[in-house]
Every structure is written in C-alpha cells, then in structure tokens.
C-alpha cells in the first residue's frame, strides 16, 4: 500500500513538472503531434537548454502516437 501511494505521489509531482516545463519552453501540445515531430521540435528549438532531455521525455510520454497512451491520434 505504501508503494502504491509513493508511486501515485511521484506521478503527480512528475506530471506537474512536465506542465511547468511545457509552459517554460512554450512547447507545442504533444497530444496533437507525433513522436517524430516532437523530437524534431526539440532538436530545432532547445539546442542549449539545460532541461532538454526532461522536456523531450515529457513530450514523448504525451505524444499522440505513443503506443503507451490510451488514445491514439485520430480516434
């Protein structure tokens, strides 16, 4: 039970940090972009950004074509 609670709290904290990163770097909405488009956006727009890897990870987790998502783009 403690493990589940810790995982839930960690997911809330991580989710909030992704939203903060999206706002900080004015990223496109990942739910409307493919993983390839998001990788290209990060490569072209976040060349010298300290949080680049974290932003990319957050974007890819929420990408429209991510097979781990419950919904796929176009549905």
N, C-alpha and C. Protein backbone atom coordinates (compact mmCIF):
# COMPACT_ATOMS: atom_id res chain seq x y z
N UNK A 1 0.82 -1.19 0.00
CA UNK A 1 0.00 0.00 0.00
C UNK A 1 0.87 1.25 0.00
N UNK A 2 1.95 1.23 0.77
CA UNK A 2 2.84 2.38 0.82
C UNK A 2 3.51 2.61 -0.53
N UNK A 3 3.83 1.52 -1.21
CA UNK A 3 4.47 1.64 -2.53
C UNK A 3 3.52 2.29 -3.52
N UNK A 4 2.28 1.86 -3.51
CA UNK A 4 1.30 2.46 -4.42
C UNK A 4 1.10 3.94 -4.14
N UNK A 5 1.06 4.28 -2.88
CA UNK A 5 0.91 5.69 -2.51
C UNK A 5 2.11 6.51 -2.97
N UNK A 6 3.29 5.96 -2.81
CA UNK A 6 4.51 6.65 -3.23
C UNK A 6 4.53 6.83 -4.75
N UNK A 7 4.13 5.79 -5.49
CA UNK A 7 4.09 5.89 -6.94
C UNK A 7 3.07 6.93 -7.40
N UNK A 8 1.93 6.96 -6.74
CA UNK A 8 0.89 7.93 -7.09
C UNK A 8 1.38 9.35 -6.85
N UNK A 9 2.00 9.59 -5.72
CA UNK A 9 2.51 10.93 -5.39
C UNK A 9 3.62 11.31 -6.37
N UNK A 10 4.49 10.37 -6.69
CA UNK A 10 5.58 10.65 -7.64
C UNK A 10 5.02 11.00 -9.02
N UNK A 11 3.97 10.30 -9.44
CA UNK A 11 3.37 10.61 -10.75
C UNK A 11 2.73 11.99 -10.75
N UNK A 12 2.14 12.37 -9.65
CA UNK A 12 1.57 13.72 -9.56
C UNK A 12 2.65 14.79 -9.63
N UNK A 13 3.73 14.57 -8.92
CA UNK A 13 4.83 15.53 -8.92
C UNK A 13 5.46 15.59 -10.30
N UNK A 14 5.69 14.44 -10.91
CA UNK A 14 6.31 14.41 -12.23
C UNK A 14 5.41 15.06 -13.27
N UNK A 15 4.11 14.80 -13.19
CA UNK A 15 3.16 15.42 -14.12
C UNK A 15 3.14 16.92 -14.00
N UNK A 16 3.23 17.42 -12.79
CA UNK A 16 3.24 18.86 -12.59
C UNK A 16 4.50 19.47 -13.17
N UNK A 17 5.63 18.78 -13.02
CA UNK A 17 6.87 19.33 -13.55
C UNK A 17 6.85 19.35 -15.07
N UNK A 18 6.19 18.38 -15.70
CA UNK A 18 6.07 18.39 -17.15
C UNK A 18 5.27 19.60 -17.61
N UNK A 19 4.17 19.86 -16.94
CA UNK A 19 3.36 21.03 -17.29
C UNK A 19 4.17 22.32 -17.13
N UNK A 20 4.95 22.39 -16.08
CA UNK A 20 5.79 23.57 -15.86
C UNK A 20 6.82 23.71 -16.97
N UNK A 21 7.42 22.60 -17.38
CA UNK A 21 8.39 22.64 -18.47
C UNK A 21 7.73 23.05 -19.79
N UNK A 22 6.53 22.56 -20.03
CA UNK A 22 5.81 22.92 -21.25
C UNK A 22 5.57 24.43 -21.30
N UNK A 23 5.16 24.99 -20.18
CA UNK A 23 4.93 26.44 -20.12
C UNK A 23 6.23 27.22 -20.23
N UNK A 24 7.25 26.75 -19.53
CA UNK A 24 8.54 27.46 -19.51
C UNK A 24 9.14 27.57 -20.91
N UNK A 25 9.06 26.50 -21.69
CA UNK A 25 9.68 26.48 -23.02
C UNK A 25 8.68 26.65 -24.16
N UNK A 26 7.43 26.91 -23.82
CA UNK A 26 6.38 27.17 -24.82
C UNK A 26 6.35 26.06 -25.88
N UNK A 27 6.23 24.84 -25.41
CA UNK A 27 6.25 23.68 -26.30
C UNK A 27 4.91 23.53 -27.02
N UNK A 28 4.91 22.82 -28.15
CA UNK A 28 3.64 22.52 -28.80
C UNK A 28 2.86 21.50 -27.97
N UNK A 29 1.57 21.41 -28.20
CA UNK A 29 0.73 20.45 -27.50
C UNK A 29 1.11 19.04 -27.96
N UNK A 30 1.68 18.23 -27.08
CA UNK A 30 2.15 16.91 -27.51
C UNK A 30 1.02 15.96 -27.91
N UNK A 31 -0.18 16.20 -27.46
CA UNK A 31 -1.27 15.30 -27.81
C UNK A 31 -1.71 15.46 -29.26
N UNK A 32 -1.22 16.49 -29.93
CA UNK A 32 -1.55 16.72 -31.33
C UNK A 32 -0.35 16.53 -32.25
N UNK A 33 0.74 15.98 -31.73
CA UNK A 33 1.95 15.79 -32.52
C UNK A 33 2.44 14.35 -32.38
N UNK A 34 3.15 13.90 -33.40
CA UNK A 34 3.75 12.56 -33.34
C UNK A 34 5.07 12.65 -32.61
N UNK A 35 5.60 11.49 -32.23
CA UNK A 35 6.88 11.47 -31.52
C UNK A 35 7.99 12.02 -32.42
N UNK A 36 7.93 11.71 -33.71
CA UNK A 36 8.95 12.21 -34.64
C UNK A 36 8.89 13.74 -34.73
N UNK A 37 7.69 14.30 -34.80
CA UNK A 37 7.54 15.75 -34.86
C UNK A 37 8.07 16.40 -33.58
N UNK A 38 7.81 15.79 -32.45
CA UNK A 38 8.26 16.35 -31.18
C UNK A 38 9.78 16.29 -31.05
N UNK A 39 10.38 15.20 -31.49
CA UNK A 39 11.85 15.09 -31.47
C UNK A 39 12.47 16.18 -32.34
N UNK A 40 11.87 16.40 -33.51
CA UNK A 40 12.38 17.43 -34.42
C UNK A 40 12.22 18.82 -33.79
N UNK A 41 11.09 19.07 -33.13
CA UNK A 41 10.86 20.37 -32.49
C UNK A 41 11.91 20.62 -31.41
N UNK A 42 12.18 19.62 -30.58
CA UNK A 42 13.18 19.77 -29.51
C UNK A 42 14.55 20.03 -30.13
N UNK A 43 14.90 19.27 -31.16
CA UNK A 43 16.20 19.44 -31.81
C UNK A 43 16.37 20.85 -32.37
N UNK A 44 15.32 21.39 -32.96
CA UNK A 44 15.41 22.72 -33.58
C UNK A 44 15.23 23.88 -32.61
N UNK A 45 14.56 23.67 -31.49
CA UNK A 45 14.21 24.79 -30.61
C UNK A 45 14.90 24.79 -29.25
N UNK A 46 15.42 23.66 -28.82
CA UNK A 46 16.01 23.58 -27.48
C UNK A 46 17.45 23.09 -27.55
N UNK A 47 18.26 23.74 -28.37
CA UNK A 47 19.63 23.28 -28.57
C UNK A 47 20.49 23.40 -27.32
N UNK A 48 20.43 24.51 -26.63
CA UNK A 48 21.31 24.76 -25.49
C UNK A 48 20.53 24.90 -24.18
N UNK A 49 19.50 24.11 -24.04
CA UNK A 49 18.65 24.20 -22.85
C UNK A 49 19.03 23.09 -21.88
N UNK A 50 19.20 23.46 -20.62
CA UNK A 50 19.60 22.50 -19.60
C UNK A 50 18.57 21.38 -19.42
N UNK A 51 17.30 21.69 -19.53
CA UNK A 51 16.22 20.72 -19.31
C UNK A 51 15.82 19.97 -20.58
N UNK A 52 16.62 20.01 -21.60
CA UNK A 52 16.25 19.45 -22.90
C UNK A 52 15.79 18.00 -22.82
N UNK A 53 16.54 17.15 -22.14
CA UNK A 53 16.18 15.73 -22.06
C UNK A 53 14.88 15.53 -21.31
N UNK A 54 14.67 16.30 -20.25
CA UNK A 54 13.43 16.18 -19.48
C UNK A 54 12.24 16.64 -20.30
N UNK A 55 12.41 17.73 -21.05
CA UNK A 55 11.32 18.24 -21.90
C UNK A 55 10.99 17.19 -22.95
N UNK A 56 12.00 16.63 -23.59
CA UNK A 56 11.77 15.62 -24.62
C UNK A 56 11.05 14.40 -24.04
N UNK A 57 11.47 13.96 -22.88
CA UNK A 57 10.83 12.80 -22.24
C UNK A 57 9.35 13.09 -21.95
N UNK A 58 9.08 14.27 -21.41
CA UNK A 58 7.69 14.64 -21.12
C UNK A 58 6.86 14.73 -22.39
N UNK A 59 7.43 15.32 -23.43
CA UNK A 59 6.70 15.44 -24.70
C UNK A 59 6.40 14.07 -25.29
N UNK A 60 7.39 13.19 -25.27
CA UNK A 60 7.18 11.86 -25.86
C UNK A 60 6.18 11.03 -25.08
N UNK A 61 6.16 11.19 -23.77
CA UNK A 61 5.18 10.46 -22.96
C UNK A 61 3.75 10.85 -23.33
N UNK A 62 3.57 12.09 -23.77
CA UNK A 62 2.24 12.59 -24.08
C UNK A 62 1.97 12.70 -25.58
N UNK A 63 2.86 12.14 -26.39
CA UNK A 63 2.72 12.22 -27.85
C UNK A 63 1.47 11.48 -28.32
N UNK A 64 0.89 11.98 -29.39
CA UNK A 64 -0.35 11.40 -29.92
C UNK A 64 -0.17 9.96 -30.38
N UNK A 65 0.99 9.62 -30.90
CA UNK A 65 1.19 8.27 -31.42
C UNK A 65 1.97 7.36 -30.48
N UNK A 66 2.09 7.76 -29.24
CA UNK A 66 2.78 6.93 -28.25
C UNK A 66 1.92 5.68 -27.99
N UNK A 67 2.45 4.50 -28.22
CA UNK A 67 1.65 3.28 -28.04
C UNK A 67 1.24 3.03 -26.58
N UNK A 68 1.87 3.72 -25.65
CA UNK A 68 1.51 3.56 -24.24
C UNK A 68 0.33 4.43 -23.83
N UNK A 69 -0.11 5.31 -24.73
CA UNK A 69 -1.26 6.17 -24.44
C UNK A 69 -2.55 5.38 -24.58
N UNK A 70 -3.57 5.81 -23.90
CA UNK A 70 -4.87 5.14 -24.01
C UNK A 70 -5.55 5.48 -25.33
N UNK A 71 -5.34 6.70 -25.82
CA UNK A 71 -5.95 7.10 -27.08
C UNK A 71 -4.87 7.39 -28.11
N UNK A 72 -5.17 7.13 -29.34
CA UNK A 72 -4.23 7.37 -30.43
C UNK A 72 -4.79 8.53 -31.26
N UNK A 73 -3.93 9.33 -31.83
CA UNK A 73 -4.37 10.46 -32.64
C UNK A 73 -5.32 9.98 -33.73
N UNK A 74 -6.35 10.73 -33.97
CA UNK A 74 -7.33 10.39 -34.99
C UNK A 74 -8.51 9.61 -34.46
N UNK A 75 -8.47 9.21 -33.21
CA UNK A 75 -9.61 8.48 -32.63
C UNK A 75 -10.58 9.45 -32.01
